[in-house]
C-alpha atoms as a PDB file:
ATOM      1  CA  MET A   1      98.648 113.483  30.015  1.00  0.00           C
ATOM      2  CA  THR A   2     101.718 114.289  32.119  1.00  0.00           C
ATOM      3  CA  THR A   3     102.162 117.972  33.305  1.00  0.00           C
ATOM      4  CA  ASP A   4     105.352 119.698  34.412  1.00  0.00           C
ATOM      5  CA  LYS A   5     103.819 119.529  37.954  1.00  0.00           C
ATOM      6  CA  ASP A   6     103.710 115.681  37.727  1.00  0.00           C
ATOM      7  CA  THR A   7     107.243 115.255  36.663  1.00  0.00           C
ATOM      8  CA  THR A   8     108.570 117.500  39.482  1.00  0.00           C
ATOM      9  CA  MET A   9     106.973 115.349  42.149  1.00  0.00           C
ATOM     10  CA  GLU A  10     109.480 112.657  41.431  1.00  0.00           C
ATOM     11  CA  GLN A  11     111.703 111.609  44.375  1.00  0.00           C
ATOM     12  CA  VAL A  12     114.932 113.467  44.625  1.00  0.00           C
ATOM     13  CA  THR A  13     117.752 111.536  45.873  1.00  0.00           C
ATOM     14  CA  ARG A  14     120.857 112.529  47.871  1.00  0.00           C
ATOM     15  CA  PRO A  15     123.650 113.444  45.645  1.00  0.00           C
ATOM     16  CA  VAL A  16     126.231 110.605  45.624  1.00  0.00           C
ATOM     17  CA  PRO A  17     129.990 111.312  45.145  1.00  0.00           C
ATOM     18  CA  ASP A  18     131.974 109.427  42.513  1.00  0.00           C
ATOM     19  CA  ARG A  19     133.250 106.367  44.248  1.00  0.00           C
ATOM     20  CA  THR A  20     136.560 104.513  43.657  1.00  0.00           C
ATOM     21  CA  GLU A  21     137.454 101.063  44.715  1.00  0.00           C
ATOM     22  CA  LEU A  22     139.236 102.553  47.720  1.00  0.00           C
ATOM     23  CA  ASP A  23     136.194 104.496  48.678  1.00  0.00           C
ATOM     24  CA  GLU A  24     134.118 101.210  48.673  1.00  0.00           C
ATOM     25  CA  HIS A  25     135.827  99.868  51.859  1.00  0.00           C
ATOM     26  CA  TRP A  26     134.892 103.247  53.730  1.00  0.00           C
ATOM     27  CA  TYR A  27     131.310 102.998  52.543  1.00  0.00           C
ATOM     28  CA  GLN A  28     130.896  99.471  53.387  1.00  0.00           C
ATOM     29  CA  ALA A  29     132.172 100.191  56.960  1.00  0.00           C
ATOM     30  CA  LEU A  30     129.616 103.017  57.326  1.00  0.00           C
ATOM     31  CA  SER A  31     126.863 100.464  56.131  1.00  0.00           C
ATOM     32  CA  GLU A  32     127.942  98.275  59.094  1.00  0.00           C
ATOM     33  CA  GLY A  33     127.779 101.239  61.575  1.00  0.00           C
ATOM     34  CA  ARG A  34     131.621 101.809  61.694  1.00  0.00           C
ATOM     35  CA  LEU A  35     133.588 104.890  60.996  1.00  0.00           C
ATOM     36  CA  ILE A  36     136.942 104.245  59.766  1.00  0.00           C
ATOM     37  CA  PHE A  37     140.033 106.181  58.557  1.00  0.00           C
ATOM     38  CA  GLN A  38     143.547 105.382  57.149  1.00  0.00           C
ATOM     39  CA  ARG A  39     146.687 105.676  59.145  1.00  0.00           C
ATOM     40  CA  THR A  40     150.498 105.043  59.144  1.00  0.00           C
ATOM     41  CA  PRO A  41     152.549 104.964  62.352  1.00  0.00           C
ATOM     42  CA  VAL A  42     152.978 108.857  62.178  1.00  0.00           C
ATOM     43  CA  ASN A  43     149.798 110.186  60.459  1.00  0.00           C
ATOM     44  CA  ALA A  44     146.028 109.583  60.153  1.00  0.00           C
ATOM     45  CA  TRP A  45     143.623 110.911  57.413  1.00  0.00           C
ATOM     46  CA  LEU A  46     140.435 111.162  55.714  1.00  0.00           C
ATOM     47  CA  PRO A  47     139.069 110.999  52.960  1.00  0.00           C
ATOM     48  CA  PRO A  48     140.376 107.755  51.591  1.00  0.00           C
ATOM     49  CA  ARG A  49     143.560 107.862  49.477  1.00  0.00           C
ATOM     50  CA  LEU A  50     146.205 105.468  48.034  1.00  0.00           C
ATOM     51  CA  GLU A  51     149.061 107.117  49.998  1.00  0.00           C
ATOM     52  CA  ASP A  52     149.891 109.010  53.306  1.00  0.00           C
ATOM     53  CA  PRO A  53     149.238 112.743  52.236  1.00  0.00           C
ATOM     54  CA  VAL A  54     152.221 113.756  54.169  1.00  0.00           C
ATOM     55  CA  SER A  55     154.867 111.038  53.601  1.00  0.00           C
ATOM     56  CA  LEU A  56     153.405 109.895  50.193  1.00  0.00           C
ATOM     57  CA  SER A  57     154.028 106.319  51.665  1.00  0.00           C
ATOM     58  CA  PRO A  58     151.790 103.730  50.063  1.00  0.00           C
ATOM     59  CA  GLU A  59     152.055 101.612  53.310  1.00  0.00           C
ATOM     60  CA  TRP A  60     148.998 102.261  55.485  1.00  0.00           C
ATOM     61  CA  GLU A  61     146.167 100.449  57.154  1.00  0.00           C
ATOM     62  CA  TRP A  62     142.438 101.108  58.022  1.00  0.00           C
ATOM     63  CA  ALA A  63     141.571 101.884  61.718  1.00  0.00           C
ATOM     64  CA  GLN A  64     138.355 101.951  63.602  1.00  0.00           C
ATOM     65  CA  ALA A  65     137.448 105.319  64.900  1.00  0.00           C
ATOM     66  CA  SER A  66     136.108 105.794  68.490  1.00  0.00           C
ATOM     67  CA  GLY A  67     133.291 107.983  67.246  1.00  0.00           C
ATOM     68  CA  GLN A  68     134.305 110.764  69.446  1.00  0.00           C
ATOM     69  CA  ALA A  69     135.229 114.238  67.861  1.00  0.00           C
ATOM     70  CA  LYS A  70     135.318 118.062  68.438  1.00  0.00           C
ATOM     71  CA  LEU A  71     134.012 120.767  66.280  1.00  0.00           C
ATOM     72  CA  VAL A  72     136.561 122.734  64.332  1.00  0.00           C
ATOM     73  CA  SER A  73     134.524 124.844  62.197  1.00  0.00           C
ATOM     74  CA  TRP A  74     130.934 124.937  60.655  1.00  0.00           C
ATOM     75  CA  VAL A  75     128.775 126.714  58.078  1.00  0.00           C
ATOM     76  CA  THR A  76     125.048 127.034  58.147  1.00  0.00           C
ATOM     77  CA  TYR A  77     123.387 126.593  54.591  1.00  0.00           C
ATOM     78  CA  HIS A  78     120.433 128.872  53.892  1.00  0.00           C
ATOM     79  CA  ILE A  79     120.161 128.151  50.242  1.00  0.00           C
ATOM     80  CA  SER A  80     119.889 124.824  48.678  1.00  0.00           C
ATOM     81  CA  TYR A  81     122.468 123.981  46.059  1.00  0.00           C
ATOM     82  CA  HIS A  82     120.717 120.608  45.181  1.00  0.00           C
ATOM     83  CA  PRO A  83     117.119 119.875  45.203  1.00  0.00           C
ATOM     84  CA  TYR A  84     117.632 117.116  47.713  1.00  0.00           C
ATOM     85  CA  PHE A  85     118.409 119.731  50.438  1.00  0.00           C
ATOM     86  CA  GLU A  86     115.549 122.139  49.689  1.00  0.00           C
ATOM     87  CA  ASP A  87     113.338 120.919  52.690  1.00  0.00           C
ATOM     88  CA  LYS A  88     116.380 120.652  55.078  1.00  0.00           C
ATOM     89  CA  ILE A  89     117.226 124.417  54.976  1.00  0.00           C
ATOM     90  CA  PRO A  90     118.665 125.664  57.178  1.00  0.00           C
ATOM     91  CA  TYR A  91     121.198 122.922  57.805  1.00  0.00           C
ATOM     92  CA  LYS A  92     124.941 122.790  59.103  1.00  0.00           C
ATOM     93  CA  VAL A  93     127.988 121.028  57.738  1.00  0.00           C
ATOM     94  CA  ALA A  94     131.127 120.942  59.905  1.00  0.00           C
ATOM     95  CA  THR A  95     134.655 120.179  59.834  1.00  0.00           C
ATOM     96  CA  VAL A  96     135.238 117.935  62.830  1.00  0.00           C
ATOM     97  CA  GLU A  97     138.441 116.414  64.176  1.00  0.00           C
ATOM     98  CA  LEU A  98     138.254 112.870  65.298  1.00  0.00           C
ATOM     99  CA  ALA A  99     139.790 111.773  68.555  1.00  0.00           C
ATOM    100  CA  GLU A 100     142.375 109.943  66.505  1.00  0.00           C
ATOM    101  CA  GLY A 101     143.324 113.031  64.592  1.00  0.00           C
ATOM    102  CA  PRO A 102     141.748 113.052  61.042  1.00  0.00           C
ATOM    103  CA  ARG A 103     139.527 115.825  60.098  1.00  0.00           C
ATOM    104  CA  MET A 104     136.437 115.406  57.938  1.00  0.00           C
ATOM    105  CA  LEU A 105     133.422 117.140  56.629  1.00  0.00           C
ATOM    106  CA  ALA A 106     130.020 115.899  57.772  1.00  0.00           C
ATOM    107  CA  PRO A 107     126.588 117.052  58.663  1.00  0.00           C
ATOM    108  CA  LEU A 108     126.216 118.628  62.078  1.00  0.00           C
ATOM    109  CA  GLU A 109     122.876 118.428  64.091  1.00  0.00           C
ATOM    110  CA  LEU A 110     123.163 120.476  67.278  1.00  0.00           C
ATOM    111  CA  GLY A 111     119.561 120.591  68.542  1.00  0.00           C
ATOM    112  CA  ASP A 112     119.298 123.484  71.010  1.00  0.00           C
ATOM    113  CA  VAL A 113     123.077 123.490  71.601  1.00  0.00           C
ATOM    114  CA  GLU A 114     125.019 126.570  70.378  1.00  0.00           C
ATOM    115  CA  PRO A 115     127.943 125.773  68.159  1.00  0.00           C
ATOM    116  CA  ARG A 116     131.471 126.589  69.558  1.00  0.00           C
ATOM    117  CA  ILE A 117     134.903 125.598  68.610  1.00  0.00           C
ATOM    118  CA  ASP A 118     136.064 122.468  70.433  1.00  0.00           C
ATOM    119  CA  LEU A 119     132.463 121.437  71.193  1.00  0.00           C
ATOM    120  CA  PRO A 120     132.553 117.638  72.169  1.00  0.00           C
ATOM    121  CA  LEU A 121     130.745 115.769  69.532  1.00  0.00           C
ATOM    122  CA  THR A 122     129.767 111.836  68.712  1.00  0.00           C
ATOM    123  CA  VAL A 123     129.154 110.243  65.381  1.00  0.00           C
ATOM    124  CA  ASP A 124     125.841 108.727  64.506  1.00  0.00           C
ATOM    125  CA  ILE A 125     125.755 106.865  61.248  1.00  0.00           C
ATOM    126  CA  VAL A 126     122.357 107.153  59.593  1.00  0.00           C
ATOM    127  CA  PHE A 127     120.742 106.071  56.417  1.00  0.00           C
ATOM    128  CA  ASP A 128     119.555 109.153  54.539  1.00  0.00           C
ATOM    129  CA  GLY A 129     118.731 109.617  51.031  1.00  0.00           C
ATOM    130  CA  GLY A 130     119.721 106.065  49.885  1.00  0.00           C
ATOM    131  CA  GLN A 131     123.009 105.970  51.455  1.00  0.00           C
ATOM    132  CA  TRP A 132     124.859 105.691  54.974  1.00  0.00           C
ATOM    133  CA  ILE A 133     126.435 108.877  56.283  1.00  0.00           C
ATOM    134  CA  PRO A 134     128.077 109.886  59.471  1.00  0.00           C
ATOM    135  CA  VAL A 135     126.260 112.845  61.264  1.00  0.00           C
ATOM    136  CA  PHE A 136     127.800 114.487  64.331  1.00  0.00           C
ATOM    137  CA  ARG A 137     125.879 115.490  67.256  1.00  0.00           C
ATOM    138  CA  PRO A 138     126.854 116.992  70.711  1.00  0.00           C
ATOM    139  CA  THR A 139     127.861 114.342  73.322  1.00  0.00           C
ATOM    140  CA  GLY A 140     125.570 114.064  76.289  1.00  0.00           C
ATOM    141  CA  ASP A 141     127.503 116.270  78.391  1.00  0.00           C
ATOM    142  CA  SER A 142     127.935 118.969  75.743  1.00  0.00           C
ATOM    143  CA  ALA A 143     124.353 120.176  76.190  1.00  0.00           C
ATOM    144  CA  SER A 144     125.305 122.254  79.253  1.00  0.00           C
END
């Protein structure tokens, strides 16, 4: 006999966004420990899209990110909006600006460092909840 308690003990997986063929290149790079973005000679962006969001040019290339970024803004979640995150409360999600220019949303792990605008960050690509994700942490000299 199975009870409700037994069925709620099932493993909850991290929510996965719908992926397109274009996204797969980005996720493949993450699985190889690389963070990439798209660019043209005059612009750089994330998330992946078929054309430059400014000029609408379909001519672009993938580029390797250095992994360096700065903190633009952040939010601390105190309520879980998906069962996967229930045991992670509170957690932070940030808008970061990569050294190369694109901005992106990503988990933020600060340890004892207080968040502040322009805080230098470094990406760490981790396997979490069945997928590779970029997580940003303060650079070594940011702790002071």
